[in-house]
């Protein structure tokens, strides 16, 4: 019989489960930091959704008004005229009114976009500050926990 055949220690795979459990217990993880980060992110998502929905609502109102005004102008354009020159005048008036409406409505869309941009920047700055505060608090707590755990782990060795 060979010298290694009877040695069971050589063929058995070491079980590191207990070692890993002990190590993880020595360095506890604080789940409240993750919960706070999630709450902060959810609050920001809610605020961003509100900004987006308000912009969509305002844009829809602008579009609907523009369409309604254009349709009304088409009604004037489509009326029967007694003189051929009246058709030219009606078409010119319609084109002029359409250009004016386009300028007004595009300016209104620009105001909506500007408001969304300003609110988004404000939210991002506030969220960045909140995340920075959360991260600072989490790092301080983690440092304290690790220091305490390291002291406990090295105390018996002294």
C-alpha atoms as a PDB file:
ATOM      1  CA  UNK A   1       0.000   0.000   0.000  1.00  0.00           C
ATOM      2  CA  UNK A   2       1.357   3.398  -0.876  1.00  0.00           C
ATOM      3  CA  UNK A   3       2.015   5.937   1.870  1.00  0.00           C
ATOM      4  CA  UNK A   4      -0.602   8.341   0.444  1.00  0.00           C
ATOM      5  CA  UNK A   5      -3.401   5.807   0.061  1.00  0.00           C
ATOM      6  CA  UNK A   6      -4.333   5.802   3.733  1.00  0.00           C
ATOM      7  CA  UNK A   7      -3.999   9.565   4.213  1.00  0.00           C
ATOM      8  CA  UNK A   8      -7.558  10.905   4.097  1.00  0.00           C
ATOM      9  CA  UNK A   9      -6.468  14.492   4.797  1.00  0.00           C
ATOM     10  CA  UNK A  10      -4.813  14.665   1.394  1.00  0.00           C
ATOM     11  CA  UNK A  11      -7.974  13.704  -0.474  1.00  0.00           C
ATOM     12  CA  UNK A  12     -10.467  15.774   1.517  1.00  0.00           C
ATOM     13  CA  UNK A  13     -11.233  19.291   0.224  1.00  0.00           C
ATOM     14  CA  UNK A  14     -10.936  21.892   2.989  1.00  0.00           C
ATOM     15  CA  UNK A  15     -14.263  23.458   4.042  1.00  0.00           C
ATOM     16  CA  UNK A  16     -13.891  27.236   4.120  1.00  0.00           C
ATOM     17  CA  UNK A  17     -17.586  27.886   4.875  1.00  0.00           C
ATOM     18  CA  UNK A  18     -16.974  28.309   8.607  1.00  0.00           C
ATOM     19  CA  UNK A  19     -13.960  30.525   7.973  1.00  0.00           C
ATOM     20  CA  UNK A  20     -15.994  32.741   5.624  1.00  0.00           C
ATOM     21  CA  UNK A  21     -18.905  32.921   8.091  1.00  0.00           C
ATOM     22  CA  UNK A  22     -16.573  33.933  10.895  1.00  0.00           C
ATOM     23  CA  UNK A  23     -14.885  36.544   8.704  1.00  0.00           C
ATOM     24  CA  UNK A  24     -18.234  38.014   7.561  1.00  0.00           C
ATOM     25  CA  UNK A  25     -19.472  38.116  11.166  1.00  0.00           C
ATOM     26  CA  UNK A  26     -16.323  39.987  12.194  1.00  0.00           C
ATOM     27  CA  UNK A  27     -16.999  42.675   9.580  1.00  0.00           C
ATOM     28  CA  UNK A  28     -20.752  43.342   9.718  1.00  0.00           C
ATOM     29  CA  UNK A  29     -22.462  45.105   6.831  1.00  0.00           C
ATOM     30  CA  UNK A  30     -24.918  47.869   7.620  1.00  0.00           C
ATOM     31  CA  UNK A  31     -27.938  47.453   5.354  1.00  0.00           C
ATOM     32  CA  UNK A  32     -29.376  50.823   6.420  1.00  0.00           C
ATOM     33  CA  UNK A  33     -26.904  52.601   4.125  1.00  0.00           C
ATOM     34  CA  UNK A  34     -28.301  50.673   1.156  1.00  0.00           C
ATOM     35  CA  UNK A  35     -31.864  51.374   2.295  1.00  0.00           C
ATOM     36  CA  UNK A  36     -31.120  55.095   2.594  1.00  0.00           C
ATOM     37  CA  UNK A  37     -29.530  55.118  -0.863  1.00  0.00           C
ATOM     38  CA  UNK A  38     -32.577  53.349  -2.284  1.00  0.00           C
ATOM     39  CA  UNK A  39     -34.947  55.808  -0.609  1.00  0.00           C
ATOM     40  CA  UNK A  40     -32.940  58.759  -1.941  1.00  0.00           C
ATOM     41  CA  UNK A  41     -32.951  57.299  -5.462  1.00  0.00           C
ATOM     42  CA  UNK A  42     -36.697  56.553  -5.310  1.00  0.00           C
ATOM     43  CA  UNK A  43     -37.454  60.105  -4.135  1.00  0.00           C
ATOM     44  CA  UNK A  44     -35.376  61.533  -6.976  1.00  0.00           C
ATOM     45  CA  UNK A  45     -37.086  59.264  -9.523  1.00  0.00           C
ATOM     46  CA  UNK A  46     -40.465  60.470  -8.237  1.00  0.00           C
ATOM     47  CA  UNK A  47     -39.438  64.124  -8.592  1.00  0.00           C
ATOM     48  CA  UNK A  48     -38.016  63.531 -12.083  1.00  0.00           C
ATOM     49  CA  UNK A  49     -41.222  61.758 -13.108  1.00  0.00           C
ATOM     50  CA  UNK A  50     -43.226  64.740 -11.890  1.00  0.00           C
ATOM     51  CA  UNK A  51     -41.088  67.128 -13.961  1.00  0.00           C
ATOM     52  CA  UNK A  52     -41.435  64.892 -17.017  1.00  0.00           C
ATOM     53  CA  UNK A  53     -45.186  64.489 -16.664  1.00  0.00           C
ATOM     54  CA  UNK A  54     -45.725  68.231 -16.198  1.00  0.00           C
ATOM     55  CA  UNK A  55     -43.662  68.909 -19.327  1.00  0.00           C
ATOM     56  CA  UNK A  56     -45.606  66.300 -21.300  1.00  0.00           C
ATOM     57  CA  UNK A  57     -48.903  67.798 -20.142  1.00  0.00           C
ATOM     58  CA  UNK A  58     -47.855  71.341 -21.063  1.00  0.00           C
ATOM     59  CA  UNK A  59     -46.484  70.212 -24.440  1.00  0.00           C
ATOM     60  CA  UNK A  60     -49.738  68.403 -25.177  1.00  0.00           C
ATOM     61  CA  UNK A  61     -51.717  71.547 -24.337  1.00  0.00           C
ATOM     62  CA  UNK A  62     -49.529  73.622 -26.669  1.00  0.00           C
ATOM     63  CA  UNK A  63     -49.867  71.068 -29.464  1.00  0.00           C
ATOM     64  CA  UNK A  64     -53.651  70.816 -29.065  1.00  0.00           C
ATOM     65  CA  UNK A  65     -54.080  74.603 -29.093  1.00  0.00           C
ATOM     66  CA  UNK A  66     -51.833  74.898 -32.142  1.00  0.00           C
ATOM     67  CA  UNK A  67     -53.818  72.238 -33.993  1.00  0.00           C
ATOM     68  CA  UNK A  68     -57.145  73.854 -33.028  1.00  0.00           C
ATOM     69  CA  UNK A  69     -55.977  77.284 -34.196  1.00  0.00           C
ATOM     70  CA  UNK A  70     -54.647  75.837 -37.473  1.00  0.00           C
ATOM     71  CA  UNK A  71     -57.925  74.032 -38.141  1.00  0.00           C
ATOM     72  CA  UNK A  72     -59.852  77.259 -37.506  1.00  0.00           C
ATOM     73  CA  UNK A  73     -57.598  79.066 -40.002  1.00  0.00           C
ATOM     74  CA  UNK A  74     -58.203  76.306 -42.544  1.00  0.00           C
ATOM     75  CA  UNK A  75     -61.921  76.994 -42.182  1.00  0.00           C
ATOM     76  CA  UNK A  76     -61.359  80.589 -43.268  1.00  0.00           C
ATOM     77  CA  UNK A  77     -59.146  79.427 -46.134  1.00  0.00           C
ATOM     78  CA  UNK A  78     -61.714  76.888 -47.347  1.00  0.00           C
ATOM     79  CA  UNK A  79     -64.631  79.339 -47.622  1.00  0.00           C
ATOM     80  CA  UNK A  80     -65.851  80.054 -51.140  1.00  0.00           C
ATOM     81  CA  UNK A  81     -64.748  83.409 -52.517  1.00  0.00           C
ATOM     82  CA  UNK A  82     -66.370  85.559 -55.156  1.00  0.00           C
ATOM     83  CA  UNK A  83     -63.119  86.900 -56.647  1.00  0.00           C
ATOM     84  CA  UNK A  84     -59.935  84.961 -57.554  1.00  0.00           C
ATOM     85  CA  UNK A  85     -57.795  87.551 -55.807  1.00  0.00           C
ATOM     86  CA  UNK A  86     -59.592  86.779 -52.555  1.00  0.00           C
ATOM     87  CA  UNK A  87     -58.154  83.241 -52.701  1.00  0.00           C
ATOM     88  CA  UNK A  88     -54.671  84.672 -52.984  1.00  0.00           C
ATOM     89  CA  UNK A  89     -55.299  87.013 -50.069  1.00  0.00           C
ATOM     90  CA  UNK A  90     -56.779  84.168 -47.968  1.00  0.00           C
ATOM     91  CA  UNK A  91     -53.745  81.955 -48.720  1.00  0.00           C
ATOM     92  CA  UNK A  92     -51.357  84.787 -47.867  1.00  0.00           C
ATOM     93  CA  UNK A  93     -53.233  85.511 -44.647  1.00  0.00           C
ATOM     94  CA  UNK A  94     -53.195  81.819 -43.765  1.00  0.00           C
ATOM     95  CA  UNK A  95     -49.451  81.498 -44.422  1.00  0.00           C
ATOM     96  CA  UNK A  96     -48.763  84.639 -42.392  1.00  0.00           C
ATOM     97  CA  UNK A  97     -50.927  83.427 -39.494  1.00  0.00           C
ATOM     98  CA  UNK A  98     -49.349  79.940 -39.668  1.00  0.00           C
ATOM     99  CA  UNK A  99     -45.852  81.437 -39.452  1.00  0.00           C
ATOM    100  CA  UNK A 100     -46.899  83.610 -36.513  1.00  0.00           C
ATOM    101  CA  UNK A 101     -48.506  80.632 -34.742  1.00  0.00           C
ATOM    102  CA  UNK A 102     -45.417  78.532 -35.368  1.00  0.00           C
ATOM    103  CA  UNK A 103     -43.164  81.188 -33.822  1.00  0.00           C
ATOM    104  CA  UNK A 104     -45.445  81.558 -30.784  1.00  0.00           C
ATOM    105  CA  UNK A 105     -45.800  77.826 -30.236  1.00  0.00           C
ATOM    106  CA  UNK A 106     -42.121  77.076 -30.723  1.00  0.00           C
ATOM    107  CA  UNK A 107     -41.356  79.773 -28.149  1.00  0.00           C
ATOM    108  CA  UNK A 108     -43.838  78.091 -25.786  1.00  0.00           C
ATOM    109  CA  UNK A 109     -42.121  74.711 -26.359  1.00  0.00           C
ATOM    110  CA  UNK A 110     -38.766  76.379 -25.679  1.00  0.00           C
ATOM    111  CA  UNK A 111     -40.108  77.710 -22.356  1.00  0.00           C
ATOM    112  CA  UNK A 112     -41.246  74.208 -21.388  1.00  0.00           C
ATOM    113  CA  UNK A 113     -37.820  72.791 -22.292  1.00  0.00           C
ATOM    114  CA  UNK A 114     -36.065  75.574 -20.380  1.00  0.00           C
ATOM    115  CA  UNK A 115     -38.194  74.899 -17.285  1.00  0.00           C
ATOM    116  CA  UNK A 116     -37.481  71.150 -17.504  1.00  0.00           C
ATOM    117  CA  UNK A 117     -33.769  71.822 -17.854  1.00  0.00           C
ATOM    118  CA  UNK A 118     -33.699  74.164 -14.843  1.00  0.00           C
ATOM    119  CA  UNK A 119     -35.716  71.781 -12.660  1.00  0.00           C
ATOM    120  CA  UNK A 120     -33.554  68.827 -13.724  1.00  0.00           C
ATOM    121  CA  UNK A 121     -30.347  70.667 -12.843  1.00  0.00           C
ATOM    122  CA  UNK A 122     -31.810  71.648  -9.459  1.00  0.00           C
ATOM    123  CA  UNK A 123     -32.835  68.035  -8.791  1.00  0.00           C
ATOM    124  CA  UNK A 124     -29.427  66.705  -9.839  1.00  0.00           C
ATOM    125  CA  UNK A 125     -27.611  69.158  -7.585  1.00  0.00           C
ATOM    126  CA  UNK A 126     -29.882  68.320  -4.645  1.00  0.00           C
ATOM    127  CA  UNK A 127     -29.565  64.590  -5.311  1.00  0.00           C
ATOM    128  CA  UNK A 128     -25.788  64.887  -5.579  1.00  0.00           C
ATOM    129  CA  UNK A 129     -25.675  66.612  -2.212  1.00  0.00           C
ATOM    130  CA  UNK A 130     -27.998  63.992  -0.670  1.00  0.00           C
ATOM    131  CA  UNK A 131     -25.923  61.151  -2.126  1.00  0.00           C
ATOM    132  CA  UNK A 132     -22.712  62.768  -0.937  1.00  0.00           C
ATOM    133  CA  UNK A 133     -24.156  63.127   2.581  1.00  0.00           C
ATOM    134  CA  UNK A 134     -25.367  59.509   2.526  1.00  0.00           C
ATOM    135  CA  UNK A 135     -22.004  58.274   1.264  1.00  0.00           C
ATOM    136  CA  UNK A 136     -20.117  60.270   3.894  1.00  0.00           C
ATOM    137  CA  UNK A 137     -22.316  58.884   6.665  1.00  0.00           C
ATOM    138  CA  UNK A 138     -21.963  55.332   5.322  1.00  0.00           C
ATOM    139  CA  UNK A 139     -18.170  55.602   5.078  1.00  0.00           C
ATOM    140  CA  UNK A 140     -17.915  57.001   8.610  1.00  0.00           C
ATOM    141  CA  UNK A 141     -20.105  54.198   9.972  1.00  0.00           C
ATOM    142  CA  UNK A 142     -18.229  51.541   8.002  1.00  0.00           C
ATOM    143  CA  UNK A 143     -14.897  52.893   9.251  1.00  0.00           C
ATOM    144  CA  UNK A 144     -16.133  52.779  12.827  1.00  0.00           C
ATOM    145  CA  UNK A 145     -17.530  49.251  12.388  1.00  0.00           C
ATOM    146  CA  UNK A 146     -14.344  47.938  10.761  1.00  0.00           C
ATOM    147  CA  UNK A 147     -12.159  49.561  13.411  1.00  0.00           C
ATOM    148  CA  UNK A 148     -14.283  48.044  16.179  1.00  0.00           C
ATOM    149  CA  UNK A 149     -14.263  44.625  14.498  1.00  0.00           C
ATOM    150  CA  UNK A 150     -10.499  44.774  13.945  1.00  0.00           C
ATOM    151  CA  UNK A 151      -9.957  45.648  17.595  1.00  0.00           C
ATOM    152  CA  UNK A 152     -12.139  42.716  18.659  1.00  0.00           C
ATOM    153  CA  UNK A 153     -10.344  40.369  16.284  1.00  0.00           C
ATOM    154  CA  UNK A 154      -6.881  41.362  17.509  1.00  0.00           C
ATOM    155  CA  UNK A 155      -7.741  41.621  21.215  1.00  0.00           C
ATOM    156  CA  UNK A 156      -7.279  37.866  21.981  1.00  0.00           C
ATOM    157  CA  UNK A 157      -3.964  37.870  20.134  1.00  0.00           C
ATOM    158  CA  UNK A 158      -2.407  40.315  22.631  1.00  0.00           C
END
